[in-house]
Amino acid sequence: MALADLDRLLELRGQDPELAQVMAEPLAMDQLIALAAARGLAVTEADVLAAQERADAAMAPQQLQERVAQEARRLRHFIQG
């Protein structure tokens, strides 16, 4: 896994205004992987999922519960019936 490369891409975002602008919008997984590859970084889908797990583990339980509740509300509005 190249989780370090994903971390590097996120670091570069702070140094590159163009990259920051592109990453400010939601990206599809393949777009994120392509952005990394264009900068010589090897990022995989597994890296993105591992980074999400790492971020979730660092969240306070209350914050995690609030985020899950927000996602559930969005799904209720998205799924009809």
PDB file of N, CA and C in Angstrom:
ATOM      1  N   MET A   1       0.844  -1.186   0.000  1.00  0.00           N
ATOM      2  CA  MET A   1       0.000   0.000   0.000  1.00  0.00           C
ATOM      3  C   MET A   1       0.882   1.240   0.000  1.00  0.00           C
ATOM      4  N   ALA A   2       0.381   2.261  -0.614  1.00  0.00           N
ATOM      5  CA  ALA A   2       1.121   3.514  -0.712  1.00  0.00           C
ATOM      6  C   ALA A   2       0.387   4.617   0.045  1.00  0.00           C
ATOM      7  N   LEU A   3       0.011   4.316   1.254  1.00  0.00           N
ATOM      8  CA  LEU A   3      -0.693   5.311   2.064  1.00  0.00           C
ATOM      9  C   LEU A   3       0.159   6.561   2.231  1.00  0.00           C
ATOM     10  N   ALA A   4       1.472   6.380   2.278  1.00  0.00           N
ATOM     11  CA  ALA A   4       2.380   7.525   2.381  1.00  0.00           C
ATOM     12  C   ALA A   4       2.257   8.414   1.145  1.00  0.00           C
ATOM     13  N   ASP A   5       2.031   7.809  -0.023  1.00  0.00           N
ATOM     14  CA  ASP A   5       1.854   8.605  -1.241  1.00  0.00           C
ATOM     15  C   ASP A   5       0.551   9.400  -1.184  1.00  0.00           C
ATOM     16  N   LEU A   6      -0.482   8.830  -0.626  1.00  0.00           N
ATOM     17  CA  LEU A   6      -1.741   9.569  -0.471  1.00  0.00           C
ATOM     18  C   LEU A   6      -1.535  10.734   0.493  1.00  0.00           C
ATOM     19  N   ASP A   7      -0.827  10.480   1.578  1.00  0.00           N
ATOM     20  CA  ASP A   7      -0.519  11.561   2.521  1.00  0.00           C
ATOM     21  C   ASP A   7       0.275  12.665   1.827  1.00  0.00           C
ATOM     22  N   ARG A   8       1.208  12.268   0.984  1.00  0.00           N
ATOM     23  CA  ARG A   8       2.019  13.251   0.238  1.00  0.00           C
ATOM     24  C   ARG A   8       1.136  14.068  -0.702  1.00  0.00           C
ATOM     25  N   LEU A   9       0.187  13.430  -1.376  1.00  0.00           N
ATOM     26  CA  LEU A   9      -0.724  14.147  -2.268  1.00  0.00           C
ATOM     27  C   LEU A   9      -1.526  15.179  -1.471  1.00  0.00           C
ATOM     28  N   LEU A  10      -2.001  14.791  -0.311  1.00  0.00           N
ATOM     29  CA  LEU A  10      -2.761  15.718   0.525  1.00  0.00           C
ATOM     30  C   LEU A  10      -1.874  16.865   1.006  1.00  0.00           C
ATOM     31  N   GLU A  11      -0.628  16.579   1.253  1.00  0.00           N
ATOM     32  CA  GLU A  11       0.329  17.614   1.639  1.00  0.00           C
ATOM     33  C   GLU A  11       0.566  18.586   0.477  1.00  0.00           C
ATOM     34  N   LEU A  12       0.716  18.038  -0.718  1.00  0.00           N
ATOM     35  CA  LEU A  12       0.933  18.867  -1.903  1.00  0.00           C
ATOM     36  C   LEU A  12      -0.233  19.813  -2.157  1.00  0.00           C
ATOM     37  N   ARG A  13      -1.414  19.377  -1.767  1.00  0.00           N
ATOM     38  CA  ARG A  13      -2.619  20.205  -1.934  1.00  0.00           C
ATOM     39  C   ARG A  13      -2.429  21.554  -1.250  1.00  0.00           C
ATOM     40  N   GLY A  14      -1.749  21.570  -0.120  1.00  0.00           N
ATOM     41  CA  GLY A  14      -1.506  22.806   0.603  1.00  0.00           C
ATOM     42  C   GLY A  14      -0.469  23.699  -0.058  1.00  0.00           C
ATOM     43  N   GLN A  15       0.321  23.142  -0.960  1.00  0.00           N
ATOM     44  CA  GLN A  15       1.384  23.889  -1.624  1.00  0.00           C
ATOM     45  C   GLN A  15       1.041  24.270  -3.053  1.00  0.00           C
ATOM     46  N   ASP A  16       0.027  23.646  -3.614  1.00  0.00           N
ATOM     47  CA  ASP A  16      -0.318  23.833  -5.030  1.00  0.00           C
ATOM     48  C   ASP A  16      -1.761  24.311  -5.132  1.00  0.00           C
ATOM     49  N   PRO A  17      -1.980  25.613  -5.382  1.00  0.00           N
ATOM     50  CA  PRO A  17      -3.346  26.144  -5.436  1.00  0.00           C
ATOM     51  C   PRO A  17      -4.231  25.465  -6.488  1.00  0.00           C
ATOM     52  N   GLU A  18      -3.637  25.088  -7.616  1.00  0.00           N
ATOM     53  CA  GLU A  18      -4.416  24.421  -8.671  1.00  0.00           C
ATOM     54  C   GLU A  18      -4.900  23.051  -8.185  1.00  0.00           C
ATOM     55  N   LEU A  19      -4.013  22.310  -7.549  1.00  0.00           N
ATOM     56  CA  LEU A  19      -4.376  21.008  -7.000  1.00  0.00           C
ATOM     57  C   LEU A  19      -5.424  21.175  -5.907  1.00  0.00           C
ATOM     58  N   ALA A  20      -5.249  22.180  -5.070  1.00  0.00           N
ATOM     59  CA  ALA A  20      -6.216  22.436  -4.000  1.00  0.00           C
ATOM     60  C   ALA A  20      -7.598  22.731  -4.577  1.00  0.00           C
ATOM     61  N   GLN A  21      -7.647  23.485  -5.668  1.00  0.00           N
ATOM     62  CA  GLN A  21      -8.927  23.810  -6.297  1.00  0.00           C
ATOM     63  C   GLN A  21      -9.585  22.558  -6.861  1.00  0.00           C
ATOM     64  N   VAL A  22      -8.809  21.703  -7.517  1.00  0.00           N
ATOM     65  CA  VAL A  22      -9.353  20.464  -8.083  1.00  0.00           C
ATOM     66  C   VAL A  22      -9.862  19.564  -6.964  1.00  0.00           C
ATOM     67  N   MET A  23      -9.106  19.482  -5.872  1.00  0.00           N
ATOM     68  CA  MET A  23      -9.472  18.587  -4.780  1.00  0.00           C
ATOM     69  C   MET A  23     -10.546  19.171  -3.862  1.00  0.00           C
ATOM     70  N   ALA A  24     -10.897  20.426  -4.064  1.00  0.00           N
ATOM     71  CA  ALA A  24     -11.957  21.032  -3.258  1.00  0.00           C
ATOM     72  C   ALA A  24     -13.330  20.473  -3.636  1.00  0.00           C
ATOM     73  N   GLU A  25     -13.431  19.962  -4.845  1.00  0.00           N
ATOM     74  CA  GLU A  25     -14.675  19.365  -5.321  1.00  0.00           C
ATOM     75  C   GLU A  25     -14.635  17.862  -5.090  1.00  0.00           C
ATOM     76  N   PRO A  26     -15.793  17.225  -4.954  1.00  0.00           N
ATOM     77  CA  PRO A  26     -15.796  15.758  -4.833  1.00  0.00           C
ATOM     78  C   PRO A  26     -15.162  15.122  -6.073  1.00  0.00           C
ATOM     79  N   LEU A  27     -14.328  14.133  -5.833  1.00  0.00           N
ATOM     80  CA  LEU A  27     -13.643  13.437  -6.919  1.00  0.00           C
ATOM     81  C   LEU A  27     -14.039  11.968  -6.922  1.00  0.00           C
ATOM     82  N   ALA A  28     -14.136  11.417  -8.109  1.00  0.00           N
ATOM     83  CA  ALA A  28     -14.310   9.977  -8.235  1.00  0.00           C
ATOM     84  C   ALA A  28     -12.967   9.334  -7.877  1.00  0.00           C
ATOM     85  N   MET A  29     -13.018   8.100  -7.462  1.00  0.00           N
ATOM     86  CA  MET A  29     -11.800   7.392  -7.051  1.00  0.00           C
ATOM     87  C   MET A  29     -10.758   7.409  -8.169  1.00  0.00           C
ATOM     88  N   ASP A  30     -11.181   7.141  -9.404  1.00  0.00           N
ATOM     89  CA  ASP A  30     -10.223   7.097 -10.506  1.00  0.00           C
ATOM     90  C   ASP A  30      -9.611   8.469 -10.771  1.00  0.00           C
ATOM     91  N   GLN A  31     -10.362   9.543 -10.519  1.00  0.00           N
ATOM     92  CA  GLN A  31      -9.811  10.888 -10.695  1.00  0.00           C
ATOM     93  C   GLN A  31      -8.723  11.172  -9.650  1.00  0.00           C
ATOM     94  N   LEU A  32      -8.966  10.764  -8.425  1.00  0.00           N
ATOM     95  CA  LEU A  32      -7.979  10.963  -7.365  1.00  0.00           C
ATOM     96  C   LEU A  32      -6.709  10.160  -7.663  1.00  0.00           C
ATOM     97  N   ILE A  33      -6.885   8.934  -8.097  1.00  0.00           N
ATOM     98  CA  ILE A  33      -5.743   8.085  -8.428  1.00  0.00           C
ATOM     99  C   ILE A  33      -4.953   8.682  -9.590  1.00  0.00           C
ATOM    100  N   ALA A  34      -5.662   9.243 -10.578  1.00  0.00           N
ATOM    101  CA  ALA A  34      -5.002   9.873 -11.722  1.00  0.00           C
ATOM    102  C   ALA A  34      -4.246  11.137 -11.297  1.00  0.00           C
ATOM    103  N   LEU A  35      -4.820  11.920 -10.388  1.00  0.00           N
ATOM    104  CA  LEU A  35      -4.130  13.109  -9.879  1.00  0.00           C
ATOM    105  C   LEU A  35      -2.816  12.713  -9.214  1.00  0.00           C
ATOM    106  N   ALA A  36      -2.860  11.659  -8.427  1.00  0.00           N
ATOM    107  CA  ALA A  36      -1.654  11.177  -7.756  1.00  0.00           C
ATOM    108  C   ALA A  36      -0.627  10.696  -8.782  1.00  0.00           C
ATOM    109  N   ALA A  37      -1.084   9.905  -9.742  1.00  0.00           N
ATOM    110  CA  ALA A  37      -0.173   9.356 -10.751  1.00  0.00           C
ATOM    111  C   ALA A  37       0.498  10.467 -11.556  1.00  0.00           C
ATOM    112  N   ALA A  38      -0.240  11.545 -11.842  1.00  0.00           N
ATOM    113  CA  ALA A  38       0.326  12.666 -12.593  1.00  0.00           C
ATOM    114  C   ALA A  38       1.451  13.344 -11.823  1.00  0.00           C
ATOM    115  N   ARG A  39       1.501  13.108 -10.519  1.00  0.00           N
ATOM    116  CA  ARG A  39       2.541  13.687  -9.676  1.00  0.00           C
ATOM    117  C   ARG A  39       3.559  12.642  -9.229  1.00  0.00           C
ATOM    118  N   GLY A  40       3.532  11.481  -9.904  1.00  0.00           N
ATOM    119  CA  GLY A  40       4.496  10.431  -9.622  1.00  0.00           C
ATOM    120  C   GLY A  40       4.223   9.651  -8.342  1.00  0.00           C
ATOM    121  N   LEU A  41       2.974   9.703  -7.868  1.00  0.00           N
ATOM    122  CA  LEU A  41       2.599   9.025  -6.635  1.00  0.00           C
ATOM    123  C   LEU A  41       1.716   7.825  -6.962  1.00  0.00           C
ATOM    124  N   ALA A  42       1.936   6.741  -6.258  1.00  0.00           N
ATOM    125  CA  ALA A  42       1.175   5.514  -6.484  1.00  0.00           C
ATOM    126  C   ALA A  42       0.114   5.383  -5.390  1.00  0.00           C
ATOM    127  N   VAL A  43      -1.104   5.761  -5.724  1.00  0.00           N
ATOM    128  CA  VAL A  43      -2.223   5.681  -4.786  1.00  0.00           C
ATOM    129  C   VAL A  43      -3.231   4.681  -5.342  1.00  0.00           C
ATOM    130  N   THR A  44      -3.731   3.814  -4.474  1.00  0.00           N
ATOM    131  CA  THR A  44      -4.719   2.828  -4.881  1.00  0.00           C
ATOM    132  C   THR A  44      -6.023   3.065  -4.126  1.00  0.00           C
ATOM    133  N   GLU A  45      -7.056   2.379  -4.558  1.00  0.00           N
ATOM    134  CA  GLU A  45      -8.342   2.452  -3.865  1.00  0.00           C
ATOM    135  C   GLU A  45      -8.189   1.974  -2.422  1.00  0.00           C
ATOM    136  N   ALA A  46      -7.383   0.954  -2.217  1.00  0.00           N
ATOM    137  CA  ALA A  46      -7.150   0.436  -0.866  1.00  0.00           C
ATOM    138  C   ALA A  46      -6.513   1.505   0.027  1.00  0.00           C
ATOM    139  N   ASP A  47      -5.652   2.337  -0.551  1.00  0.00           N
ATOM    140  CA  ASP A  47      -5.035   3.417   0.219  1.00  0.00           C
ATOM    141  C   ASP A  47      -6.077   4.428   0.676  1.00  0.00           C
ATOM    142  N   VAL A  48      -6.985   4.760  -0.219  1.00  0.00           N
ATOM    143  CA  VAL A  48      -8.032   5.733   0.116  1.00  0.00           C
ATOM    144  C   VAL A  48      -8.916   5.175   1.230  1.00  0.00           C
ATOM    145  N   LEU A  49      -9.275   3.902   1.116  1.00  0.00           N
ATOM    146  CA  LEU A  49     -10.108   3.286   2.156  1.00  0.00           C
ATOM    147  C   LEU A  49      -9.355   3.200   3.486  1.00  0.00           C
ATOM    148  N   ALA A  50      -8.063   2.896   3.434  1.00  0.00           N
ATOM    149  CA  ALA A  50      -7.258   2.838   4.657  1.00  0.00           C
ATOM    150  C   ALA A  50      -7.154   4.215   5.304  1.00  0.00           C
ATOM    151  N   ALA A  51      -7.025   5.245   4.491  1.00  0.00           N
ATOM    152  CA  ALA A  51      -6.961   6.608   5.026  1.00  0.00           C
ATOM    153  C   ALA A  51      -8.287   6.989   5.683  1.00  0.00           C
ATOM    154  N   GLN A  52      -9.393   6.557   5.081  1.00  0.00           N
ATOM    155  CA  GLN A  52     -10.704   6.834   5.678  1.00  0.00           C
ATOM    156  C   GLN A  52     -10.844   6.116   7.021  1.00  0.00           C
ATOM    157  N   GLU A  53     -10.400   4.870   7.071  1.00  0.00           N
ATOM    158  CA  GLU A  53     -10.437   4.120   8.336  1.00  0.00           C
ATOM    159  C   GLU A  53      -9.562   4.793   9.393  1.00  0.00           C
ATOM    160  N   ARG A  54      -8.415   5.273   8.971  1.00  0.00           N
ATOM    161  CA  ARG A  54      -7.508   5.969   9.891  1.00  0.00           C
ATOM    162  C   ARG A  54      -8.170   7.240  10.432  1.00  0.00           C
ATOM    163  N   ALA A  55      -8.830   7.988   9.551  1.00  0.00           N
ATOM    164  CA  ALA A  55      -9.508   9.215   9.978  1.00  0.00           C
ATOM    165  C   ALA A  55     -10.672   8.899  10.918  1.00  0.00           C
ATOM    166  N   ASP A  56     -11.413   7.840  10.610  1.00  0.00           N
ATOM    167  CA  ASP A  56     -12.533   7.442  11.468  1.00  0.00           C
ATOM    168  C   ASP A  56     -12.044   7.036  12.853  1.00  0.00           C
ATOM    169  N   ALA A  57     -10.924   6.327  12.900  1.00  0.00           N
ATOM    170  CA  ALA A  57     -10.382   5.874  14.184  1.00  0.00           C
ATOM    171  C   ALA A  57      -9.912   7.044  15.038  1.00  0.00           C
ATOM    172  N   ALA A  58      -9.517   8.129  14.392  1.00  0.00           N
ATOM    173  CA  ALA A  58      -9.028   9.300  15.121  1.00  0.00           C
ATOM    174  C   ALA A  58     -10.163  10.202  15.606  1.00  0.00           C
ATOM    175  N   MET A  59     -11.377   9.981  15.099  1.00  0.00           N
ATOM    176  CA  MET A  59     -12.519  10.819  15.486  1.00  0.00           C
ATOM    177  C   MET A  59     -13.026  10.449  16.870  1.00  0.00           C
ATOM    178  N   ALA A  60     -13.497  11.452  17.549  1.00  0.00           N
ATOM    179  CA  ALA A  60     -14.177  11.200  18.823  1.00  0.00           C
ATOM    180  C   ALA A  60     -15.480  10.468  18.520  1.00  0.00           C
ATOM    181  N   PRO A  61     -15.933   9.600  19.397  1.00  0.00           N
ATOM    182  CA  PRO A  61     -17.173   8.846  19.142  1.00  0.00           C
ATOM    183  C   PRO A  61     -18.365   9.756  18.807  1.00  0.00           C
ATOM    184  N   GLN A  62     -18.476  10.892  19.462  1.00  0.00           N
ATOM    185  CA  GLN A  62     -19.589  11.812  19.196  1.00  0.00           C
ATOM    186  C   GLN A  62     -19.516  12.357  17.768  1.00  0.00           C
ATOM    187  N   GLN A  63     -18.315  12.721  17.316  1.00  0.00           N
ATOM    188  CA  GLN A  63     -18.143  13.223  15.953  1.00  0.00           C
ATOM    189  C   GLN A  63     -18.496  12.154  14.928  1.00  0.00           C
ATOM    190  N   LEU A  64     -18.054  10.940  15.172  1.00  0.00           N
ATOM    191  CA  LEU A  64     -18.346   9.837  14.260  1.00  0.00           C
ATOM    192  C   LEU A  64     -19.844   9.573  14.191  1.00  0.00           C
ATOM    193  N   GLN A  65     -20.501   9.598  15.336  1.00  0.00           N
ATOM    194  CA  GLN A  65     -21.939   9.378  15.383  1.00  0.00           C
ATOM    195  C   GLN A  65     -22.679  10.484  14.619  1.00  0.00           C
ATOM    196  N   GLU A  66     -22.245  11.729  14.750  1.00  0.00           N
ATOM    197  CA  GLU A  66     -22.875  12.838  14.026  1.00  0.00           C
ATOM    198  C   GLU A  66     -22.688  12.681  12.523  1.00  0.00           C
ATOM    199  N   ARG A  67     -21.498  12.260  12.089  1.00  0.00           N
ATOM    200  CA  ARG A  67     -21.262  12.080  10.660  1.00  0.00           C
ATOM    201  C   ARG A  67     -22.128  10.960  10.095  1.00  0.00           C
ATOM    202  N   VAL A  68     -22.237   9.870  10.831  1.00  0.00           N
ATOM    203  CA  VAL A  68     -23.067   8.754  10.381  1.00  0.00           C
ATOM    204  C   VAL A  68     -24.528   9.194  10.295  1.00  0.00           C
ATOM    205  N   ALA A  69     -24.979   9.986  11.234  1.00  0.00           N
ATOM    206  CA  ALA A  69     -26.360  10.470  11.216  1.00  0.00           C
ATOM    207  C   ALA A  69     -26.607  11.353   9.995  1.00  0.00           C
ATOM    208  N   GLN A  70     -25.652  12.214   9.657  1.00  0.00           N
ATOM    209  CA  GLN A  70     -25.797  13.066   8.475  1.00  0.00           C
ATOM    210  C   GLN A  70     -25.880  12.230   7.201  1.00  0.00           C
ATOM    211  N   GLU A  71     -25.041  11.219   7.105  1.00  0.00           N
ATOM    212  CA  GLU A  71     -25.058  10.353   5.933  1.00  0.00           C
ATOM    213  C   GLU A  71     -26.372   9.589   5.844  1.00  0.00           C
ATOM    214  N   ALA A  72     -26.893   9.162   6.976  1.00  0.00           N
ATOM    215  CA  ALA A  72     -28.165   8.436   6.996  1.00  0.00           C
ATOM    216  C   ALA A  72     -29.297   9.341   6.520  1.00  0.00           C
ATOM    217  N   ARG A  73     -29.276  10.596   6.942  1.00  0.00           N
ATOM    218  CA  ARG A  73     -30.318  11.537   6.484  1.00  0.00           C
ATOM    219  C   ARG A  73     -30.255  11.723   4.981  1.00  0.00           C
ATOM    220  N   ARG A  74     -29.045  11.847   4.435  1.00  0.00           N
ATOM    221  CA  ARG A  74     -28.903  11.997   2.969  1.00  0.00           C
ATOM    222  C   ARG A  74     -29.452  10.769   2.262  1.00  0.00           C
ATOM    223  N   LEU A  75     -29.181   9.592   2.778  1.00  0.00           N
ATOM    224  CA  LEU A  75     -29.665   8.373   2.149  1.00  0.00           C
ATOM    225  C   LEU A  75     -31.190   8.288   2.195  1.00  0.00           C
ATOM    226  N   ARG A  76     -31.769   8.708   3.303  1.00  0.00           N
ATOM    227  CA  ARG A  76     -33.238   8.665   3.409  1.00  0.00           C
ATOM    228  C   ARG A  76     -33.887   9.547   2.352  1.00  0.00           C
ATOM    229  N   HIS A  77     -33.247  10.669   2.027  1.00  0.00           N
ATOM    230  CA  HIS A  77     -33.793  11.556   1.008  1.00  0.00           C
ATOM    231  C   HIS A  77     -33.511  11.036  -0.401  1.00  0.00           C
ATOM    232  N   PHE A  78     -32.419  10.293  -0.536  1.00  0.00           N
ATOM    233  CA  PHE A  78     -32.038   9.776  -1.835  1.00  0.00           C
ATOM    234  C   PHE A  78     -32.869   8.545  -2.207  1.00  0.00           C
ATOM    235  N   ILE A  79     -33.070   7.667  -1.247  1.00  0.00           N
ATOM    236  CA  ILE A  79     -33.776   6.416  -1.501  1.00  0.00           C
ATOM    237  C   ILE A  79     -35.274   6.647  -1.314  1.00  0.00           C
ATOM    238  N   GLN A  80     -36.012   6.496  -2.370  1.00  0.00           N
ATOM    239  CA  GLN A  80     -37.471   6.702  -2.314  1.00  0.00           C
ATOM    240  C   GLN A  80     -38.162   5.365  -2.045  1.00  0.00           C
ATOM    241  N   GLY A  81     -39.236   5.425  -1.277  1.00  0.00           N
ATOM    242  CA  GLY A  81     -40.031   4.230  -1.075  1.00  0.00           C
ATOM    243  C   GLY A  81     -39.817   3.687   0.248  1.00  0.00           C
TER     244      GLY A  81
END
